[in-house]
C-alpha atoms as a PDB file:
ATOM      1  CA  MET A   1     -39.536 -44.140  40.172  1.00  0.00           C
ATOM      2  CA  ILE A   2     -37.908 -44.870  36.662  1.00  0.00           C
ATOM      3  CA  ARG A   3     -34.961 -42.589  36.083  1.00  0.00           C
ATOM      4  CA  SER A   4     -33.638 -42.313  32.372  1.00  0.00           C
ATOM      5  CA  ALA A   5     -31.137 -39.571  30.697  1.00  0.00           C
ATOM      6  CA  THR A   6     -32.478 -36.946  28.665  1.00  0.00           C
ATOM      7  CA  SER A   7     -31.607 -33.623  27.589  1.00  0.00           C
ATOM      8  CA  TRP A   8     -33.580 -30.225  28.058  1.00  0.00           C
ATOM      9  CA  ARG A   9     -33.074 -27.118  25.723  1.00  0.00           C
ATOM     10  CA  GLY A  10     -29.658 -28.818  24.612  1.00  0.00           C
ATOM     11  CA  GLN A  11     -28.299 -29.417  28.482  1.00  0.00           C
ATOM     12  CA  PRO A  12     -28.114 -32.926  29.734  1.00  0.00           C
ATOM     13  CA  ALA A  13     -30.849 -33.733  32.212  1.00  0.00           C
ATOM     14  CA  MET A  14     -32.579 -36.536  34.017  1.00  0.00           C
ATOM     15  CA  LEU A  15     -36.292 -37.669  33.313  1.00  0.00           C
ATOM     16  CA  LEU A  16     -37.982 -39.178  36.474  1.00  0.00           C
ATOM     17  CA  SER A  17     -41.405 -41.013  36.012  1.00  0.00           C
ATOM     18  CA  SER A  18     -43.937 -42.213  38.237  1.00  0.00           C
ATOM     19  CA  ASP A  19     -47.435 -44.054  37.599  1.00  0.00           C
ATOM     20  CA  GLN A  20     -49.204 -40.158  37.519  1.00  0.00           C
ATOM     21  CA  LEU A  21     -46.192 -37.487  36.991  1.00  0.00           C
ATOM     22  CA  GLU A  22     -42.730 -37.036  35.020  1.00  0.00           C
ATOM     23  CA  ALA A  23     -40.030 -34.308  35.908  1.00  0.00           C
ATOM     24  CA  VAL A  24     -37.227 -33.315  34.030  1.00  0.00           C
ATOM     25  CA  VAL A  25     -34.050 -32.133  36.333  1.00  0.00           C
ATOM     26  CA  SER A  26     -31.024 -30.792  34.512  1.00  0.00           C
ATOM     27  CA  HIS A  27     -27.522 -31.830  35.509  1.00  0.00           C
ATOM     28  CA  THR A  28     -26.420 -27.926  35.302  1.00  0.00           C
ATOM     29  CA  GLY A  29     -28.205 -26.419  38.560  1.00  0.00           C
ATOM     30  CA  ALA A  30     -30.010 -28.975  39.462  1.00  0.00           C
ATOM     31  CA  GLN A  31     -33.076 -27.414  38.327  1.00  0.00           C
ATOM     32  CA  LEU A  32     -36.432 -28.719  37.979  1.00  0.00           C
ATOM     33  CA  ALA A  33     -37.197 -27.869  34.433  1.00  0.00           C
ATOM     34  CA  CYS A  34     -40.499 -29.523  33.584  1.00  0.00           C
ATOM     35  CA  LEU A  35     -43.420 -30.898  36.012  1.00  0.00           C
ATOM     36  CA  ARG A  36     -46.124 -32.863  33.886  1.00  0.00           C
ATOM     37  CA  ARG A  37     -48.878 -35.354  34.045  1.00  0.00           C
ATOM     38  CA  ARG A  38     -48.000 -38.655  32.432  1.00  0.00           C
ATOM     39  CA  GLY A  39     -49.061 -38.493  28.794  1.00  0.00           C
ATOM     40  CA  GLU A  40     -49.380 -34.982  28.607  1.00  0.00           C
ATOM     41  CA  GLN A  41     -47.057 -31.671  27.743  1.00  0.00           C
ATOM     42  CA  LEU A  42     -48.418 -28.795  29.720  1.00  0.00           C
ATOM     43  CA  ASN A  43     -45.808 -27.811  31.844  1.00  0.00           C
ATOM     44  CA  PRO A  44     -46.211 -24.774  34.330  1.00  0.00           C
ATOM     45  CA  LEU A  45     -42.572 -24.096  34.799  1.00  0.00           C
ATOM     46  CA  TRP A  46     -41.211 -21.348  32.761  1.00  0.00           C
ATOM     47  CA  GLN A  47     -39.100 -22.012  29.524  1.00  0.00           C
ATOM     48  CA  PRO A  48     -36.903 -18.955  28.397  1.00  0.00           C
ATOM     49  CA  PRO A  49     -37.577 -17.903  24.891  1.00  0.00           C
ATOM     50  CA  TRP A  50     -33.830 -17.655  23.792  1.00  0.00           C
ATOM     51  CA  GLN A  51     -31.356 -20.537  23.187  1.00  0.00           C
ATOM     52  CA  THR A  52     -28.163 -19.032  24.371  1.00  0.00           C
ATOM     53  CA  ALA A  53     -27.007 -15.968  26.600  1.00  0.00           C
ATOM     54  CA  GLU A  54     -23.682 -14.370  27.316  1.00  0.00           C
ATOM     55  CA  ASP A  55     -24.738 -14.688  31.106  1.00  0.00           C
ATOM     56  CA  PRO A  56     -23.860 -18.251  32.464  1.00  0.00           C
ATOM     57  CA  LEU A  57     -26.876 -18.480  34.523  1.00  0.00           C
ATOM     58  CA  LEU A  58     -29.285 -16.900  31.890  1.00  0.00           C
ATOM     59  CA  ALA A  59     -27.719 -19.258  29.514  1.00  0.00           C
ATOM     60  CA  ILE A  60     -28.774 -22.322  31.570  1.00  0.00           C
ATOM     61  CA  ILE A  61     -32.059 -21.070  33.740  1.00  0.00           C
ATOM     62  CA  VAL A  62     -34.985 -22.874  33.592  1.00  0.00           C
ATOM     63  CA  GLY A  63     -37.962 -23.617  35.836  1.00  0.00           C
ATOM     64  CA  SER A  64     -37.192 -23.761  39.492  1.00  0.00           C
ATOM     65  CA  ASN A  65     -33.754 -23.292  40.427  1.00  0.00           C
ATOM     66  CA  PRO A  66     -31.680 -23.120  43.824  1.00  0.00           C
ATOM     67  CA  CYS A  67     -30.019 -19.828  44.922  1.00  0.00           C
ATOM     68  CA  LEU A  68     -26.921 -20.514  47.410  1.00  0.00           C
ATOM     69  CA  ASP A  69     -25.484 -19.228  48.797  1.00  0.00           C
ATOM     70  CA  ARG A  70     -26.562 -15.521  47.481  1.00  0.00           C
ATOM     71  CA  PHE A  71     -29.945 -14.873  46.624  1.00  0.00           C
ATOM     72  CA  GLY A  72     -29.120 -11.542  44.159  1.00  0.00           C
ATOM     73  CA  PRO A  73     -25.473 -10.271  43.233  1.00  0.00           C
ATOM     74  CA  ALA A  74     -22.327 -11.039  45.225  1.00  0.00           C
ATOM     75  CA  TRP A  75     -21.618  -8.972  48.224  1.00  0.00           C
ATOM     76  CA  PRO A  76     -18.815  -6.237  47.779  1.00  0.00           C
ATOM     77  CA  GLY A  77     -15.364  -8.113  47.294  1.00  0.00           C
ATOM     78  CA  GLU A  78     -16.877 -11.319  46.013  1.00  0.00           C
ATOM     79  CA  ALA A  79     -16.504 -12.941  43.018  1.00  0.00           C
ATOM     80  CA  LYS A  80     -19.534 -15.399  43.194  1.00  0.00           C
ATOM     81  CA  PRO A  81     -22.038 -15.632  40.304  1.00  0.00           C
ATOM     82  CA  LEU A  82     -25.353 -13.922  40.033  1.00  0.00           C
ATOM     83  CA  HIS A  83     -27.582 -16.129  42.806  1.00  0.00           C
ATOM     84  CA  GLY A  84     -24.275 -18.047  43.906  1.00  0.00           C
ATOM     85  CA  GLU A  85     -22.582 -21.184  42.367  1.00  0.00           C
ATOM     86  CA  ALA A  86     -25.531 -23.456  42.595  1.00  0.00           C
ATOM     87  CA  GLY A  87     -27.429 -22.739  39.690  1.00  0.00           C
ATOM     88  CA  VAL A  88     -24.304 -22.808  37.197  1.00  0.00           C
ATOM     89  CA  ARG A  89     -22.401 -25.828  38.802  1.00  0.00           C
ATOM     90  CA  ARG A  90     -22.587 -29.509  37.618  1.00  0.00           C
ATOM     91  CA  TRP A  91     -24.410 -32.096  39.869  1.00  0.00           C
ATOM     92  CA  ASN A  92     -23.956 -35.556  39.785  1.00  0.00           C
ATOM     93  CA  SER A  93     -26.995 -37.860  40.467  1.00  0.00           C
ATOM     94  CA  ARG A  94     -28.047 -41.220  42.120  1.00  0.00           C
ATOM     95  CA  LEU A  95     -30.893 -43.407  43.136  1.00  0.00           C
ATOM     96  CA  GLU A  96     -31.549 -43.829  46.943  1.00  0.00           C
ATOM     97  CA  GLY A  97     -34.818 -45.625  47.489  1.00  0.00           C
ATOM     98  CA  GLU A  98     -37.589 -43.968  45.704  1.00  0.00           C
ATOM     99  CA  SER A  99     -35.730 -40.837  45.515  1.00  0.00           C
ATOM    100  CA  ALA A 100     -33.085 -39.433  42.820  1.00  0.00           C
ATOM    101  CA  VAL A 101     -30.366 -37.222  44.560  1.00  0.00           C
ATOM    102  CA  PHE A 102     -28.652 -34.843  43.027  1.00  0.00           C
ATOM    103  CA  SER A 103     -25.649 -33.696  44.555  1.00  0.00           C
ATOM    104  CA  THR A 104     -22.716 -31.002  44.196  1.00  0.00           C
ATOM    105  CA  GLU A 105     -19.858 -29.163  46.128  1.00  0.00           C
ATOM    106  CA  LEU A 106     -19.892 -25.048  45.850  1.00  0.00           C
ATOM    107  CA  PRO A 107     -15.994 -24.287  46.535  1.00  0.00           C
ATOM    108  CA  LEU A 108     -16.505 -20.418  46.881  1.00  0.00           C
ATOM    109  CA  ALA A 109     -19.707 -20.989  49.172  1.00  0.00           C
ATOM    110  CA  ARG A 110     -17.897 -23.956  50.961  1.00  0.00           C
ATOM    111  CA  LEU A 111     -20.843 -25.820  50.971  1.00  0.00           C
ATOM    112  CA  ALA A 112     -21.999 -29.353  50.023  1.00  0.00           C
ATOM    113  CA  VAL A 113     -25.663 -29.176  48.628  1.00  0.00           C
ATOM    114  CA  GLU A 114     -27.705 -32.395  47.565  1.00  0.00           C
ATOM    115  CA  ARG A 115     -31.531 -32.442  46.182  1.00  0.00           C
ATOM    116  CA  GLY A 116     -33.772 -35.294  46.438  1.00  0.00           C
ATOM    117  CA  PHE A 117     -36.838 -35.399  44.450  1.00  0.00           C
ATOM    118  CA  GLU A 118     -39.517 -37.578  45.099  1.00  0.00           C
ATOM    119  CA  PHE A 119     -43.000 -38.839  43.720  1.00  0.00           C
ATOM    120  CA  GLN A 120     -45.778 -39.023  46.094  1.00  0.00           C
ATOM    121  CA  GLY A 121     -49.264 -39.586  44.087  1.00  0.00           C
ATOM    122  CA  ASP A 122     -49.691 -36.302  42.446  1.00  0.00           C
ATOM    123  CA  THR A 123     -46.913 -34.523  44.403  1.00  0.00           C
ATOM    124  CA  LEU A 124     -43.080 -34.020  43.735  1.00  0.00           C
ATOM    125  CA  VAL A 125     -41.371 -33.394  47.096  1.00  0.00           C
ATOM    126  CA  LEU A 126     -38.099 -31.566  46.657  1.00  0.00           C
ATOM    127  CA  THR A 127     -35.728 -31.774  49.712  1.00  0.00           C
ATOM    128  CA  THR A 128     -32.661 -29.447  49.523  1.00  0.00           C
ATOM    129  CA  SER A 129     -29.987 -30.198  52.256  1.00  0.00           C
ATOM    130  CA  VAL A 130     -26.845 -28.179  52.789  1.00  0.00           C
ATOM    131  CA  ARG A 131     -23.763 -28.886  54.652  1.00  0.00           C
ATOM    132  CA  SER A 132     -20.655 -26.864  55.606  1.00  0.00           C
ATOM    133  CA  LEU A 133     -17.797 -27.861  54.227  1.00  0.00           C
ATOM    134  CA  ASP A 134     -15.339 -26.327  57.041  1.00  0.00           C
ATOM    135  CA  ALA A 135     -17.359 -27.905  60.154  1.00  0.00           C
ATOM    136  CA  VAL A 136     -17.873 -24.164  61.098  1.00  0.00           C
ATOM    137  CA  ALA A 137     -21.549 -22.514  61.250  1.00  0.00           C
ATOM    138  CA  ARG A 138     -22.117 -20.406  58.245  1.00  0.00           C
ATOM    139  CA  THR A 139     -24.739 -17.431  57.427  1.00  0.00           C
ATOM    140  CA  ILE A 140     -26.113 -18.231  53.889  1.00  0.00           C
ATOM    141  CA  GLU A 141     -28.621 -16.431  51.486  1.00  0.00           C
ATOM    142  CA  TRP A 142     -31.082 -19.329  50.253  1.00  0.00           C
ATOM    143  CA  CYS A 143     -33.769 -19.101  47.750  1.00  0.00           C
ATOM    144  CA  GLU A 144     -35.886 -21.684  46.162  1.00  0.00           C
ATOM    145  CA  HIS A 145     -36.296 -19.663  43.008  1.00  0.00           C
ATOM    146  CA  THR A 146     -39.559 -21.215  41.081  1.00  0.00           C
ATOM    147  CA  THR A 147     -40.798 -19.317  37.772  1.00  0.00           C
ATOM    148  CA  LEU A 148     -43.878 -19.981  36.065  1.00  0.00           C
ATOM    149  CA  GLY A 149     -44.482 -19.571  32.461  1.00  0.00           C
ATOM    150  CA  ASP A 150     -47.301 -19.451  29.545  1.00  0.00           C
ATOM    151  CA  PRO A 151     -49.345 -20.812  28.536  1.00  0.00           C
ATOM    152  CA  PHE A 152     -50.108 -22.093  31.859  1.00  0.00           C
ATOM    153  CA  LEU A 153     -49.751 -18.608  33.297  1.00  0.00           C
ATOM    154  CA  ALA A 154     -51.755 -16.881  30.632  1.00  0.00           C
ATOM    155  CA  THR A 155     -55.415 -17.211  31.919  1.00  0.00           C
ATOM    156  CA  ALA A 156     -53.965 -18.259  35.824  1.00  0.00           C
ATOM    157  CA  SER A 157     -55.289 -16.934  38.983  1.00  0.00           C
ATOM    158  CA  ILE A 158     -52.712 -16.819  42.052  1.00  0.00           C
ATOM    159  CA  THR A 159     -53.303 -17.017  45.742  1.00  0.00           C
ATOM    160  CA  ALA A 160     -50.978 -17.024  48.684  1.00  0.00           C
ATOM    161  CA  GLY A 161     -50.897 -17.340  52.202  1.00  0.00           C
ATOM    162  CA  ILE A 162     -48.869 -14.175  52.736  1.00  0.00           C
ATOM    163  CA  ALA A 163     -49.102 -10.744  54.409  1.00  0.00           C
ATOM    164  CA  ARG A 164     -49.466  -7.400  52.613  1.00  0.00           C
ATOM    165  CA  PRO A 165     -46.577  -7.297  49.986  1.00  0.00           C
ATOM    166  CA  GLN A 166     -43.773  -4.565  50.257  1.00  0.00           C
ATOM    167  CA  SER A 167     -42.255  -2.523  47.278  1.00  0.00           C
ATOM    168  CA  MET A 168     -39.246  -1.017  47.647  1.00  0.00           C
ATOM    169  CA  SER A 169     -37.671   2.340  46.440  1.00  0.00           C
ATOM    170  CA  GLN A 170     -35.014   1.970  44.040  1.00  0.00           C
ATOM    171  CA  SER A 171     -31.393   2.908  44.442  1.00  0.00           C
ATOM    172  CA  GLY A 172     -29.412   2.046  41.344  1.00  0.00           C
ATOM    173  CA  SER A 173     -29.915  -1.680  40.910  1.00  0.00           C
ATOM    174  CA  GLN A 174     -30.614  -2.025  44.645  1.00  0.00           C
ATOM    175  CA  PRO A 175     -33.580  -1.941  46.621  1.00  0.00           C
ATOM    176  CA  GLY A 176     -33.753   1.056  49.097  1.00  0.00           C
ATOM    177  CA  THR A 177     -34.777   1.353  52.577  1.00  0.00           C
ATOM    178  CA  GLU A 178     -38.201   3.006  52.545  1.00  0.00           C
ATOM    179  CA  SER A 179     -41.183   0.050  51.873  1.00  0.00           C
ATOM    180  CA  VAL A 180     -44.459   0.617  50.708  1.00  0.00           C
ATOM    181  CA  SER A 181     -47.472  -1.542  51.298  1.00  0.00           C
ATOM    182  CA  ILE A 182     -49.272  -3.056  48.144  1.00  0.00           C
ATOM    183  CA  ASP A 183     -52.396  -4.999  48.220  1.00  0.00           C
ATOM    184  CA  ALA A 184     -51.753  -8.898  47.898  1.00  0.00           C
ATOM    185  CA  ALA A 185     -54.265  -9.565  45.075  1.00  0.00           C
ATOM    186  CA  THR A 186     -52.649  -6.613  43.268  1.00  0.00           C
ATOM    187  CA  ALA A 187     -49.095  -8.033  43.795  1.00  0.00           C
ATOM    188  CA  LEU A 188     -50.007 -11.552  43.247  1.00  0.00           C
ATOM    189  CA  ALA A 189     -51.906 -11.058  39.905  1.00  0.00           C
ATOM    190  CA  MET A 190     -49.812 -11.652  36.570  1.00  0.00           C
ATOM    191  CA  PRO A 191     -50.722  -8.983  33.829  1.00  0.00           C
ATOM    192  CA  GLY A 192     -52.543 -10.623  30.625  1.00  0.00           C
ATOM    193  CA  PRO A 193     -50.860 -11.489  27.583  1.00  0.00           C
ATOM    194  CA  SER A 194     -52.008  -8.182  25.900  1.00  0.00           C
ATOM    195  CA  ASP A 195     -51.609  -5.939  28.725  1.00  0.00           C
ATOM    196  CA  GLU A 196     -49.292  -2.972  29.166  1.00  0.00           C
ATOM    197  CA  ASN A 197     -45.492  -3.660  29.830  1.00  0.00           C
ATOM    198  CA  ARG A 198     -44.635  -4.320  33.691  1.00  0.00           C
ATOM    199  CA  GLY A 199     -41.842  -5.410  35.599  1.00  0.00           C
ATOM    200  CA  ASP A 200     -41.383  -5.132  39.501  1.00  0.00           C
ATOM    201  CA  ILE A 201     -40.322  -7.106  42.381  1.00  0.00           C
ATOM    202  CA  HIS A 202     -42.408  -7.668  45.608  1.00  0.00           C
ATOM    203  CA  THR A 203     -41.857  -9.212  49.178  1.00  0.00           C
ATOM    204  CA  ALA A 204     -44.280 -10.723  51.381  1.00  0.00           C
ATOM    205  CA  PRO A 205     -44.369 -12.116  55.145  1.00  0.00           C
ATOM    206  CA  VAL A 206     -45.331 -15.603  54.878  1.00  0.00           C
ATOM    207  CA  LEU A 207     -48.199 -16.272  57.273  1.00  0.00           C
ATOM    208  CA  ASP A 208     -48.846 -19.914  55.857  1.00  0.00           C
ATOM    209  CA  GLY A 209     -46.711 -21.925  53.960  1.00  0.00           C
ATOM    210  CA  TRP A 210     -48.683 -22.111  50.603  1.00  0.00           C
ATOM    211  CA  TYR A 211     -49.482 -20.790  46.959  1.00  0.00           C
ATOM    212  CA  ARG A 212     -52.086 -21.782  44.651  1.00  0.00           C
ATOM    213  CA  VAL A 213     -51.947 -20.942  40.604  1.00  0.00           C
ATOM    214  CA  HIS A 214     -55.212 -22.112  39.252  1.00  0.00           C
ATOM    215  CA  ASN A 215     -55.911 -22.347  35.578  1.00  0.00           C
ATOM    216  CA  PRO A 216     -59.616 -22.936  34.888  1.00  0.00           C
ATOM    217  CA  MET A 217     -59.275 -22.582  31.252  1.00  0.00           C
ATOM    218  CA  LEU A 218     -56.806 -25.596  31.026  1.00  0.00           C
ATOM    219  CA  GLY A 219     -58.161 -27.559  34.089  1.00  0.00           C
ATOM    220  CA  ARG A 220     -54.977 -27.592  35.882  1.00  0.00           C
ATOM    221  CA  THR A 221     -53.707 -26.302  39.423  1.00  0.00           C
ATOM    222  CA  LEU A 222     -50.171 -26.065  40.617  1.00  0.00           C
ATOM    223  CA  MET A 223     -50.291 -26.111  44.824  1.00  0.00           C
ATOM    224  CA  VAL A 224     -46.989 -25.484  46.385  1.00  0.00           C
ATOM    225  CA  ARG A 225     -46.613 -25.960  50.354  1.00  0.00           C
ATOM    226  CA  TRP A 226     -43.408 -25.251  52.775  1.00  0.00           C
ATOM    227  CA  ASP A 227     -42.864 -24.661  56.205  1.00  0.00           C
ATOM    228  CA  PRO A 228     -42.591 -21.022  56.711  1.00  0.00           C
ATOM    229  CA  ALA A 229     -40.224 -21.486  59.198  1.00  0.00           C
ATOM    230  CA  ASP A 230     -37.842 -22.679  56.293  1.00  0.00           C
ATOM    231  CA  PHE A 231     -38.740 -19.717  53.772  1.00  0.00           C
ATOM    232  CA  PRO A 232     -40.320 -16.846  55.537  1.00  0.00           C
ATOM    233  CA  TRP A 233     -40.440 -14.909  52.736  1.00  0.00           C
ATOM    234  CA  LEU A 234     -41.894 -14.824  49.135  1.00  0.00           C
ATOM    235  CA  CYS A 235     -40.688 -12.747  46.670  1.00  0.00           C
ATOM    236  CA  LEU A 236     -42.608 -11.947  43.508  1.00  0.00           C
ATOM    237  CA  TRP A 237     -40.791 -11.046  40.336  1.00  0.00           C
ATOM    238  CA  THR A 238     -43.104  -9.940  37.596  1.00  0.00           C
ATOM    239  CA  GLU A 239     -41.772  -9.831  33.981  1.00  0.00           C
ATOM    240  CA  HIS A 240     -44.052  -8.648  31.268  1.00  0.00           C
ATOM    241  CA  ARG A 241     -42.202  -7.422  28.324  1.00  0.00           C
ATOM    242  CA  SER A 242     -40.251  -5.112  30.366  1.00  0.00           C
ATOM    243  CA  ARG A 243     -36.381  -5.975  29.606  1.00  0.00           C
ATOM    244  CA  SER A 244     -35.517  -4.857  26.175  1.00  0.00           C
ATOM    245  CA  GLU A 245     -32.059  -5.912  26.178  1.00  0.00           C
ATOM    246  CA  SER A 246     -30.584  -9.006  25.412  1.00  0.00           C
ATOM    247  CA  PRO A 247     -31.305 -12.035  25.772  1.00  0.00           C
ATOM    248  CA  TRP A 248     -34.899 -10.531  27.254  1.00  0.00           C
ATOM    249  CA  LEU A 249     -35.561  -8.479  23.706  1.00  0.00           C
ATOM    250  CA  GLY A 250     -38.715  -7.147  25.342  1.00  0.00           C
ATOM    251  CA  VAL A 251     -40.825 -10.450  24.800  1.00  0.00           C
ATOM    252  CA  THR A 252     -40.576 -12.335  27.740  1.00  0.00           C
ATOM    253  CA  ARG A 253     -43.452 -13.228  30.240  1.00  0.00           C
ATOM    254  CA  ALA A 254     -42.460 -14.674  33.634  1.00  0.00           C
ATOM    255  CA  ARG A 255     -43.697 -14.927  37.188  1.00  0.00           C
ATOM    256  CA  GLY A 256     -41.010 -15.607  39.800  1.00  0.00           C
ATOM    257  CA  MET A 257     -42.763 -17.462  43.041  1.00  0.00           C
ATOM    258  CA  GLU A 258     -39.431 -17.285  45.067  1.00  0.00           C
ATOM    259  CA  LEU A 259     -39.475 -18.862  48.610  1.00  0.00           C
ATOM    260  CA  SER A 260     -36.064 -17.139  50.323  1.00  0.00           C
ATOM    261  CA  THR A 261     -34.687 -16.424  53.871  1.00  0.00           C
ATOM    262  CA  LYS A 262     -34.199 -12.822  52.914  1.00  0.00           C
ATOM    263  CA  PRO A 263     -36.830 -10.515  51.399  1.00  0.00           C
ATOM    264  CA  PHE A 264     -35.327  -8.918  48.091  1.00  0.00           C
ATOM    265  CA  PRO A 265     -32.871 -10.723  45.624  1.00  0.00           C
ATOM    266  CA  GLU A 266     -30.289  -7.855  46.606  1.00  0.00           C
ATOM    267  CA  GLY A 267     -26.866  -7.658  47.218  1.00  0.00           C
ATOM    268  CA  LYS A 268     -25.395  -7.211  51.072  1.00  0.00           C
ATOM    269  CA  PRO A 269     -28.518  -5.819  52.558  1.00  0.00           C
ATOM    270  CA  PRO A 270     -28.669  -2.355  54.445  1.00  0.00           C
ATOM    271  CA  ALA A 271     -28.553  -2.526  58.219  1.00  0.00           C
ATOM    272  CA  GLU A 272     -32.701  -2.203  58.400  1.00  0.00           C
ATOM    273  CA  ARG A 273     -32.666  -5.736  56.877  1.00  0.00           C
ATOM    274  CA  ALA A 274     -29.853  -7.355  58.004  1.00  0.00           C
ATOM    275  CA  THR A 275     -30.994  -9.654  60.593  1.00  0.00           C
ATOM    276  CA  SER A 276     -34.593  -9.234  60.580  1.00  0.00           C
ATOM    277  CA  TRP A 277     -37.434  -7.089  58.760  1.00  0.00           C
ATOM    278  CA  LEU A 278     -41.195  -6.691  59.401  1.00  0.00           C
ATOM    279  CA  GLY A 279     -41.120  -9.337  62.078  1.00  0.00           C
ATOM    280  CA  ARG A 280     -39.533 -11.944  60.057  1.00  0.00           C
ATOM    281  CA  SER A 281     -35.927 -13.347  60.285  1.00  0.00           C
ATOM    282  CA  THR A 282     -33.573 -12.628  57.198  1.00  0.00           C
ATOM    283  CA  LEU A 283     -30.942 -14.819  58.323  1.00  0.00           C
ATOM    284  CA  CYS A 284     -30.165 -18.624  57.686  1.00  0.00           C
ATOM    285  CA  VAL A 285     -27.619 -20.383  59.708  1.00  0.00           C
ATOM    286  CA  VAL A 286     -25.804 -23.799  58.401  1.00  0.00           C
ATOM    287  CA  PRO A 287     -24.807 -25.526  61.624  1.00  0.00           C
ATOM    288  CA  ALA A 288     -21.271 -26.300  62.075  1.00  0.00           C
ATOM    289  CA  HIS A 289     -22.294 -30.359  61.806  1.00  0.00           C
ATOM    290  CA  GLY A 290     -24.928 -32.124  60.133  1.00  0.00           C
ATOM    291  CA  TRP A 291     -27.122 -31.055  57.136  1.00  0.00           C
ATOM    292  CA  LEU A 292     -29.784 -28.109  56.974  1.00  0.00           C
ATOM    293  CA  ARG A 293     -32.796 -29.566  55.135  1.00  0.00           C
ATOM    294  CA  LYS A 294     -35.782 -27.823  53.998  1.00  0.00           C
ATOM    295  CA  THR A 295     -38.725 -29.237  51.898  1.00  0.00           C
ATOM    296  CA  ILE A 296     -41.238 -28.027  49.104  1.00  0.00           C
ATOM    297  CA  ARG A 297     -44.168 -30.035  47.925  1.00  0.00           C
ATOM    298  CA  PHE A 298     -45.320 -29.111  44.551  1.00  0.00           C
ATOM    299  CA  ARG A 299     -48.838 -30.899  44.114  1.00  0.00           C
ATOM    300  CA  TRP A 300     -49.672 -30.561  39.977  1.00  0.00           C
ATOM    301  CA  SER A 301     -53.513 -31.855  39.907  1.00  0.00           C
END
């Protein structure tokens, strides 16, 4: 692996290179901003259309980012950022063998976090490790929030190893408790650029840990694999020009493929989803000692 300093959307970042792939990882949030074949510019990951934003996370969000120790807004009484601190903290980087390792500490969540990036042929292997700073077991929320964007997304088809997705009734900004089952192909399909505006969030229990995004016009496929015991939920976020407020301004197209330990990006879940739902766990426990590790493989072929 070759590692060199760079910038991405005006933010400090690190360029990682192998004989087949290049990846850009931001120093704020340790976000995977870009994944591309060497010599190409096509990047399947979402790039926001704005340059700045008032919200700290929206100001720097890009591509694939970690949500720790919250997936969604803070719980009542907490002063944590949306999706937790990991996405807005500054991370240090180092080389360990063939891996680039980014590390930080989350003072509010009392966690140490490391993200290791390693190339294996046409695959980028991302391993995130979490450790309690207080030597006590902790229950956390954890989502690997990968967002896809155009031009790759525009004419792509999406399939996944999931059960039938669920849509929730809304109560203000929070999902309700009554679920509605939705056809998987319908939930996975992304509206075309000329389709009517749409914005929704679905979630699906993971049967087999994979999803595939194939664009025949561009001749590229993104295949993502993980252990369903690590992330038993795939949350599907669709934004198709539905948000008119700043900085979205009714022009954004994005598809979140969000591997998560809880079904929805909500605050404190209701009792019905506090520990399990639809036969899947909604809890993630960091042990008192040692690291909890979860791995995702991004094959860009």
